[in-house]
Each structure stands twice: as C-alpha cells, then as structure tokens.
Amino acid sequence: MAAAAESYLCTYLTDWTAVETRWGLSVDAREREAMEQLAAGSPDETLTVTLAR
C-alpha cells in the first residue's frame, strides 16, 4: 500500500475512534478486531476527546 494511503488509514482510524469515544458508542468484537488490525500499522497517537453531553 502506498505511504499516502497508509497515512490516510491512520487518520481515518484516529477520527473514527474519537467519534466512537465522544458519543459513547459501543464497539463489537468484529469492529474491534478490524480497528486493531488497522492500528497495527499506525504510529501511537494520544487522542484528546471532548465527550458529548
């Protein structure tokens, strides 16, 4: 996969994780596995999320 595509996948995963956290959405086992596979190729990143009220 091209570097730009890998970078985008990391950005997408970061954004998706922030949305799920912000809104308190659940993650099923299948989605968690997919997210973990994508994260394996991404650098560690600290997220700051403001929770929805």
Protein backbone atom coordinates (compact mmCIF):
# COMPACT_ATOMS: atom_id res chain seq x y z
CA MET A 1 0.00 0.00 0.00
CA ALA A 2 1.27 3.48 -0.81
CA ALA A 3 2.50 5.65 2.05
CA ALA A 4 -0.24 8.24 1.45
CA ALA A 5 -2.93 5.55 1.68
CA GLU A 6 -1.42 4.16 4.90
CA SER A 7 -1.28 7.65 6.36
CA TYR A 8 -4.93 8.21 5.46
CA LEU A 9 -5.94 4.92 7.11
CA CYS A 10 -4.23 6.04 10.31
CA THR A 11 -6.03 9.39 10.16
CA TYR A 12 -9.36 7.67 9.49
CA LEU A 13 -8.85 5.31 12.42
CA THR A 14 -7.96 8.19 14.73
CA ASP A 15 -11.05 10.13 13.68
CA TRP A 16 -13.32 7.08 13.96
CA THR A 17 -12.00 6.26 17.44
CA ALA A 18 -12.56 9.86 18.56
CA VAL A 19 -16.18 9.82 17.29
CA GLU A 20 -16.93 6.49 18.98
CA THR A 21 -15.43 7.75 22.25
CA ARG A 22 -17.08 11.18 22.10
CA TRP A 23 -20.54 9.72 21.67
CA GLY A 24 -20.05 6.69 23.93
CA LEU A 25 -20.71 4.23 21.10
CA SER A 26 -20.07 0.55 21.66
CA VAL A 27 -17.66 -1.50 19.60
CA ASP A 28 -18.47 -5.11 18.83
CA ALA A 29 -15.80 -7.81 18.60
CA ARG A 30 -15.65 -7.74 14.80
CA GLU A 31 -15.20 -3.97 14.64
CA ARG A 32 -12.61 -4.06 17.43
CA GLU A 33 -10.60 -6.68 15.54
CA ALA A 34 -10.68 -4.58 12.35
CA MET A 35 -9.62 -1.47 14.26
CA GLU A 36 -6.75 -3.33 15.93
CA GLN A 37 -5.52 -4.59 12.56
CA LEU A 38 -5.55 -1.06 11.14
CA ALA A 39 -3.86 0.32 14.26
CA ALA A 40 -1.02 -2.18 13.99
CA GLY A 41 0.34 -0.23 11.01
CA SER A 42 -0.19 3.20 12.54
CA PRO A 43 2.07 5.13 14.91
CA ASP A 44 0.98 5.53 18.53
CA GLU A 45 -1.01 8.70 18.98
CA THR A 46 -2.60 10.32 22.01
CA LEU A 47 -6.20 11.39 21.48
CA THR A 48 -7.89 14.17 23.36
CA VAL A 49 -11.65 13.79 23.11
CA THR A 50 -14.38 16.03 24.49
CA LEU A 51 -17.29 13.82 25.50
CA ALA A 52 -20.74 14.73 24.21
CA ARG A 53 -23.23 15.77 26.84
